[in-house]
């Protein structure tokens, strides 16, 4: 595995109706690097967002979708998604504040 720095772990937040509803329970969803593990994700969230204390991390690997263009079939890239639960006394993550 390549040396992945903490700022390379979290790629972007997932903004859907389901993920926005989970924010009231201090549950945030991110797309993460496919080779990142749960401890790397926890460290990255705590370093990138000041005052955030991670309680637990759930991850899921998503296979690429099959796409077709004419008679040719292909697959989109695989992704990895992480759901991060914060503790009760931690601060909210600011990037979601205006949504």
Protein backbone atom coordinates (compact mmCIF):
# COMPACT_ATOMS: atom_id res chain seq x y z
CA UNK A 1 0.00 0.00 0.00
CA UNK A 2 1.25 3.46 -0.85
CA UNK A 3 1.87 5.98 1.91
CA UNK A 4 -1.53 7.66 2.17
CA UNK A 5 -1.51 10.95 4.08
CA UNK A 6 -4.49 12.01 6.19
CA UNK A 7 -5.53 14.68 3.67
CA UNK A 8 -5.65 12.04 0.90
CA UNK A 9 -8.04 9.75 2.81
CA UNK A 10 -11.26 11.79 2.61
CA UNK A 11 -12.15 12.58 -1.01
CA UNK A 12 -15.52 14.34 -0.69
CA UNK A 13 -18.72 14.34 1.39
CA UNK A 14 -21.77 12.43 0.23
CA UNK A 15 -24.78 14.74 0.09
CA UNK A 16 -28.02 12.80 -0.27
CA UNK A 17 -31.35 12.93 1.55
CA UNK A 18 -30.43 9.92 3.66
CA UNK A 19 -27.00 11.28 4.64
CA UNK A 20 -28.46 14.70 5.47
CA UNK A 21 -31.07 13.09 7.73
CA UNK A 22 -28.29 11.28 9.62
CA UNK A 23 -26.56 14.54 10.52
CA UNK A 24 -29.02 15.12 13.36
CA UNK A 25 -27.59 11.97 14.98
CA UNK A 26 -23.99 13.22 14.36
CA UNK A 27 -23.57 10.72 11.52
CA UNK A 28 -21.59 11.96 8.47
CA UNK A 29 -20.94 10.19 5.16
CA UNK A 30 -17.80 10.59 3.04
CA UNK A 31 -16.27 9.05 -0.07
CA UNK A 32 -12.82 7.85 0.97
CA UNK A 33 -9.68 6.43 -0.63
CA UNK A 34 -10.26 2.76 -1.61
CA UNK A 35 -7.19 1.58 0.34
CA UNK A 36 -7.98 3.50 3.55
CA UNK A 37 -8.94 1.52 6.63
CA UNK A 38 -11.10 2.54 9.58
CA UNK A 39 -8.27 3.84 11.76
CA UNK A 40 -6.93 5.99 8.90
CA UNK A 41 -10.41 7.44 8.35
CA UNK A 42 -10.81 8.18 12.06
CA UNK A 43 -7.43 9.97 12.19
CA UNK A 44 -8.21 11.97 9.05
CA UNK A 45 -11.57 13.23 10.34
CA UNK A 46 -10.13 14.23 13.71
CA UNK A 47 -7.19 16.08 12.08
CA UNK A 48 -9.16 17.79 9.30
CA UNK A 49 -12.12 18.96 11.39
CA UNK A 50 -11.14 20.60 14.66
CA UNK A 51 -13.11 19.52 17.71
CA UNK A 52 -14.51 16.37 16.06
CA UNK A 53 -14.14 13.19 18.12
CA UNK A 54 -14.98 9.99 16.26
CA UNK A 55 -16.99 7.34 18.09
CA UNK A 56 -17.01 4.70 15.33
CA UNK A 57 -16.58 4.27 11.58
CA UNK A 58 -18.54 2.02 9.23
CA UNK A 59 -17.16 1.40 5.74
CA UNK A 60 -18.54 -0.16 2.58
CA UNK A 61 -16.94 -1.04 -0.73
CA UNK A 62 -19.06 -0.23 -3.76
CA UNK A 63 -18.44 -1.98 -7.07
CA UNK A 64 -18.46 -0.01 -10.28
CA UNK A 65 -21.67 0.10 -12.31
CA UNK A 66 -21.86 -1.60 -15.69
CA UNK A 67 -22.27 0.99 -18.42
CA UNK A 68 -22.88 0.49 -22.13
CA UNK A 69 -22.05 2.54 -25.18
CA UNK A 70 -23.40 0.81 -28.26
CA UNK A 71 -22.25 -2.80 -28.18
CA UNK A 72 -19.32 -2.11 -25.84
CA UNK A 73 -19.68 -2.77 -22.11
CA UNK A 74 -17.51 -1.27 -19.41
CA UNK A 75 -17.47 -0.58 -15.69
CA UNK A 76 -17.17 2.65 -13.75
CA UNK A 77 -14.56 2.93 -11.00
CA UNK A 78 -14.96 1.17 -7.65
CA UNK A 79 -15.52 3.47 -4.68
CA UNK A 80 -15.44 3.23 -0.90
CA UNK A 81 -17.87 5.01 1.39
CA UNK A 82 -17.45 5.69 5.12
CA UNK A 83 -20.10 6.60 7.66
CA UNK A 84 -18.50 8.42 10.61
CA UNK A 85 -20.29 8.62 13.97
CA UNK A 86 -19.18 11.47 16.25
CA UNK A 87 -19.37 11.44 20.05
CA UNK A 88 -22.04 13.45 21.87
CA UNK A 89 -19.59 16.08 23.16
CA UNK A 90 -17.79 16.72 19.85
CA UNK A 91 -18.37 19.71 17.59
CA UNK A 92 -20.35 19.43 14.36
CA UNK A 93 -18.48 19.30 11.06
CA UNK A 94 -18.59 22.75 9.48
CA UNK A 95 -18.79 21.83 5.77
CA UNK A 96 -22.33 20.59 6.31
CA UNK A 97 -23.46 23.67 8.28
CA UNK A 98 -24.90 25.70 5.39
CA UNK A 99 -26.85 22.86 3.79
